[in-house]
Each structure stands twice: as C-alpha cells, then as structure tokens.
Amino acid sequence: MKEKLLYDGWLKLYKKKVGDREYEIVQNHNAVSALIVNELNEILLVRQFRPAIMKETFEIPAGIMDIEEENIEDCLIRELWEETALKVDKEYMSKIISYKPILGFSASTMHLFKVDVLKNSFNSCNIKDEDVLDGKWFTLLEIEELINKETIVDDKTIMAFYYYKSEVK
C-alpha cells in the first residue's frame, strides 16, 4: 500500500495505491456535534454560510477536534460556547452515536451528543463565532418540513432529527 501526499493544507489529500487500484483519500479532522433540546422539545439550529454549496444552511452546532489532547466532551463544550454562547455542563450531555460521515474517502469520525438546556439560556445576540450568522429554536414539525423540502440537507442534522423524533413518540 503506497501513499503519496498530493495536497497539504487544512485538509490533506493523499493518493493511495491498494493492489492495482488508486484512491484519493482526504485526511480531515474528527468532529463533534450537538442536538440541543429545550424543555418544549424544540431543537436549536444555527445558520451558517457554506461555500461548498454557496448557500446558507440551518444545522445543529458542530465543530472540529483540532486541539491536541482535548477530549470529546471538552471539545463539544468549547464548540457550543463558540457557536451558541451556551455554557453547557457535562451532566446535561449524553452521547448518541459516533459515525463516519464521508466513509467513501475519509476516515474522520463525527461524535453526536444530545444536550438539554433551558430555552431562555440561548440568545443569538451573544454568538461570537464569525461563521455562525444566528441561531433559532425549531419545532420537530418545522424541521421535518425543512428536511422534506431539502432546505436542510446536512447529514448530522437529519440524523439527529430522526433520532430525536423516534425518542419523543
């Protein structure tokens, strides 16, 4: 198995030869994400511009694990502070699943958590992350409509929604 580095930036791109076949493999960061739910069973989504699709999206908050030696839970707490200005305690976090979102060309892992907060603890005016335009609470019905209209197309958000919908029946 031969590997050649083709691009070395924030992401790394390798050409990997396995037997007689060649593959392009992306090395990117593992990440964390949070299904944030309030006492009314509403879900918090953040609005961001995504240059890969040249659109603004609503997604569950997430971020990359780019600080060495930082554990998953501490990374999630840091990312939630950055993207939502929420101060979250570990006792209100529970892990849902870890999965490989782009397995066809990357081995990166997404760690998905559920986080319980009070509705009035979130104020979009407090968000400091330059990539997050704002945030909003959505009902399950509103999110389902946005998924069906393909307004929400993000895998982690869709997965989190269907997980939560199955839990609150």
Protein backbone atom coordinates (compact mmCIF):
# COMPACT_ATOMS: atom_id res chain seq x y z
CA MET A 1 0.00 0.00 0.00
CA LYS A 2 1.74 3.15 -1.28
CA GLU A 3 0.66 6.63 -0.27
CA LYS A 4 1.60 9.97 -1.85
CA LEU A 5 0.73 13.37 -0.39
CA LEU A 6 -0.96 15.48 -3.10
CA TYR A 7 -2.10 18.48 -1.04
CA ASP A 8 -1.05 19.64 2.43
CA GLY A 9 -3.35 22.32 3.84
CA TRP A 10 -6.08 22.39 6.46
CA LEU A 11 -7.14 19.16 4.77
CA LYS A 12 -4.62 16.74 3.38
CA LEU A 13 -5.18 14.81 0.16
CA TYR A 14 -3.38 11.54 -0.48
CA LYS A 15 -3.19 9.23 -3.47
CA LYS A 16 -3.22 5.71 -2.07
CA LYS A 17 -2.47 2.61 -4.11
CA VAL A 18 -4.10 -0.60 -2.88
CA GLY A 19 -3.26 -3.54 -5.10
CA ASP A 20 -3.85 -2.41 -8.69
CA ARG A 21 -6.23 0.43 -7.77
CA GLU A 22 -5.57 4.04 -6.82
CA TYR A 23 -7.76 6.08 -4.48
CA GLU A 24 -7.84 9.70 -3.36
CA ILE A 25 -8.14 9.90 0.41
CA VAL A 26 -8.88 13.06 2.39
CA GLN A 27 -7.42 13.39 5.86
CA ASN A 28 -9.57 15.79 7.82
CA HIS A 29 -10.43 16.35 11.46
CA ASN A 30 -12.74 14.36 13.67
CA ALA A 31 -15.67 16.46 14.86
CA VAL A 32 -18.36 16.87 17.49
CA SER A 33 -21.98 17.94 17.11
CA ALA A 34 -24.92 18.56 19.42
CA LEU A 35 -28.63 18.01 19.23
CA ILE A 36 -29.61 20.81 21.63
CA VAL A 37 -33.11 20.36 23.02
CA ASN A 38 -35.10 22.63 25.32
CA GLU A 39 -37.93 21.90 27.75
CA LEU A 40 -40.51 22.40 24.96
CA ASN A 41 -38.86 19.71 22.79
CA GLU A 42 -37.60 22.34 20.37
CA ILE A 43 -34.23 21.90 18.67
CA LEU A 44 -31.64 24.65 18.31
CA LEU A 45 -30.18 25.10 14.83
CA VAL A 46 -27.51 27.58 13.81
CA ARG A 47 -27.49 29.40 10.47
CA GLN A 48 -24.21 29.40 8.55
CA PHE A 49 -22.99 30.16 5.05
CA ARG A 50 -21.49 27.06 3.43
CA PRO A 51 -19.21 27.93 0.49
CA ALA A 52 -19.15 24.34 -0.83
CA ILE A 53 -22.84 24.71 -1.77
CA MET A 54 -22.91 28.55 -1.87
CA LYS A 55 -25.93 28.66 0.45
CA GLU A 56 -26.86 29.46 4.00
CA THR A 57 -27.90 26.40 5.97
CA PHE A 58 -29.56 25.59 9.26
CA GLU A 59 -27.66 22.86 11.12
CA ILE A 60 -27.11 21.52 14.58
CA PRO A 61 -23.99 23.14 16.09
CA ALA A 62 -20.75 21.30 15.41
CA GLY A 63 -17.02 21.78 15.27
CA ILE A 64 -13.75 20.05 14.64
CA MET A 65 -11.47 18.43 17.15
CA ASP A 66 -8.37 20.47 16.41
CA ILE A 67 -6.82 20.90 19.87
CA GLU A 68 -4.40 18.13 20.78
CA GLU A 69 -5.19 16.17 23.94
CA GLU A 70 -8.68 17.76 24.22
CA ASN A 71 -11.27 15.06 24.94
CA ILE A 72 -14.54 14.77 23.05
CA GLU A 73 -16.76 16.25 25.77
CA ASP A 74 -14.48 19.25 26.39
CA CYS A 75 -14.32 19.89 22.64
CA LEU A 76 -18.11 19.85 22.49
CA ILE A 77 -18.37 22.29 25.41
CA ARG A 78 -15.88 24.63 23.69
CA GLU A 79 -17.61 24.42 20.32
CA LEU A 80 -21.04 25.05 21.84
CA TRP A 81 -19.70 28.14 23.58
CA GLU A 82 -18.20 29.37 20.29
CA GLU A 83 -21.25 28.65 18.10
CA THR A 84 -24.14 29.28 20.50
CA ALA A 85 -22.69 31.14 23.54
CA LEU A 86 -24.21 28.38 25.69
CA LYS A 87 -22.32 27.28 28.78
CA VAL A 88 -23.05 23.58 28.95
CA ASP A 89 -22.30 21.25 31.84
CA LYS A 90 -21.30 17.64 31.11
CA GLU A 91 -24.16 16.33 33.26
CA TYR A 92 -26.62 17.62 30.63
CA MET A 93 -24.83 15.92 27.74
CA SER A 94 -25.38 12.35 26.57
CA LYS A 95 -23.68 10.63 23.67
CA ILE A 96 -25.95 9.43 20.89
CA ILE A 97 -23.51 7.89 18.41
CA SER A 98 -20.15 8.17 16.67
CA TYR A 99 -20.13 7.55 12.93
CA LYS A 100 -18.10 8.05 9.74
CA PRO A 101 -19.98 10.68 7.66
CA ILE A 102 -17.84 10.52 4.49
CA LEU A 103 -16.53 6.97 4.60
CA GLY A 104 -16.01 6.75 0.83
CA PHE A 105 -12.94 8.99 1.01
CA SER A 106 -12.17 9.83 4.65
CA ALA A 107 -11.81 8.00 7.95
CA SER A 108 -12.92 11.02 10.03
CA THR A 109 -15.44 10.46 12.84
CA MET A 110 -18.40 12.61 13.90
CA HIS A 111 -19.39 12.32 17.58
CA LEU A 112 -23.07 13.25 18.07
CA PHE A 113 -24.42 14.22 21.51
CA LYS A 114 -27.79 15.28 22.91
CA VAL A 115 -27.63 18.36 25.15
CA ASP A 116 -30.52 19.55 27.33
CA VAL A 117 -30.81 23.29 28.00
CA LEU A 118 -33.47 25.75 29.03
CA LYS A 119 -34.95 27.75 26.17
CA ASN A 120 -34.17 31.11 27.75
CA SER A 121 -30.47 30.21 28.17
CA PHE A 122 -29.92 30.81 24.43
CA ASN A 123 -29.69 34.30 22.98
CA SER A 124 -28.42 34.55 19.40
CA CYS A 125 -27.12 38.08 20.11
CA ASN A 126 -24.38 36.51 22.27
CA ILE A 127 -22.88 34.38 19.46
CA LYS A 128 -19.28 35.41 18.75
CA ASP A 129 -18.32 32.83 16.06
CA GLU A 130 -17.86 34.67 12.76
CA ASP A 131 -19.09 31.62 10.80
CA VAL A 132 -22.41 31.47 12.67
CA LEU A 133 -24.89 34.07 11.48
CA ASP A 134 -27.52 33.32 14.14
CA GLY A 135 -29.46 30.54 15.79
CA LYS A 136 -33.11 29.66 16.20
CA TRP A 137 -35.32 27.18 18.02
CA PHE A 138 -37.38 24.92 15.73
CA THR A 139 -40.23 22.53 16.43
CA LEU A 140 -39.99 18.96 15.17
CA LEU A 141 -42.68 19.70 12.59
CA GLU A 142 -40.77 22.73 11.27
CA ILE A 143 -37.55 20.73 10.93
CA GLU A 144 -39.33 17.85 9.22
CA GLU A 145 -40.83 20.27 6.69
CA LEU A 146 -37.38 21.79 6.02
CA ILE A 147 -35.89 18.31 5.52
CA ASN A 148 -38.72 17.29 3.17
CA LYS A 149 -38.24 20.50 1.12
CA GLU A 150 -34.49 19.75 1.03
CA THR A 151 -33.76 23.04 2.76
CA ILE A 152 -31.97 21.08 5.48
CA VAL A 153 -29.55 18.71 3.71
CA ASP A 154 -26.86 18.28 6.35
CA ASP A 155 -26.34 14.65 7.40
CA LYS A 156 -25.68 15.25 11.10
CA THR A 157 -28.77 17.44 11.42
CA ILE A 158 -31.01 14.95 9.62
CA MET A 159 -29.63 12.06 11.68
CA ALA A 160 -30.09 13.98 14.93
CA PHE A 161 -33.65 14.95 13.98
CA TYR A 162 -34.77 11.39 13.20
CA TYR A 163 -33.07 10.08 16.33
CA TYR A 164 -34.90 12.63 18.49
CA LYS A 165 -38.21 12.16 16.68
CA SER A 166 -38.06 8.43 17.46
CA GLU A 167 -37.33 9.18 21.12
CA VAL A 168 -40.25 11.56 21.79
CA LYS A 169 -43.08 9.50 20.26
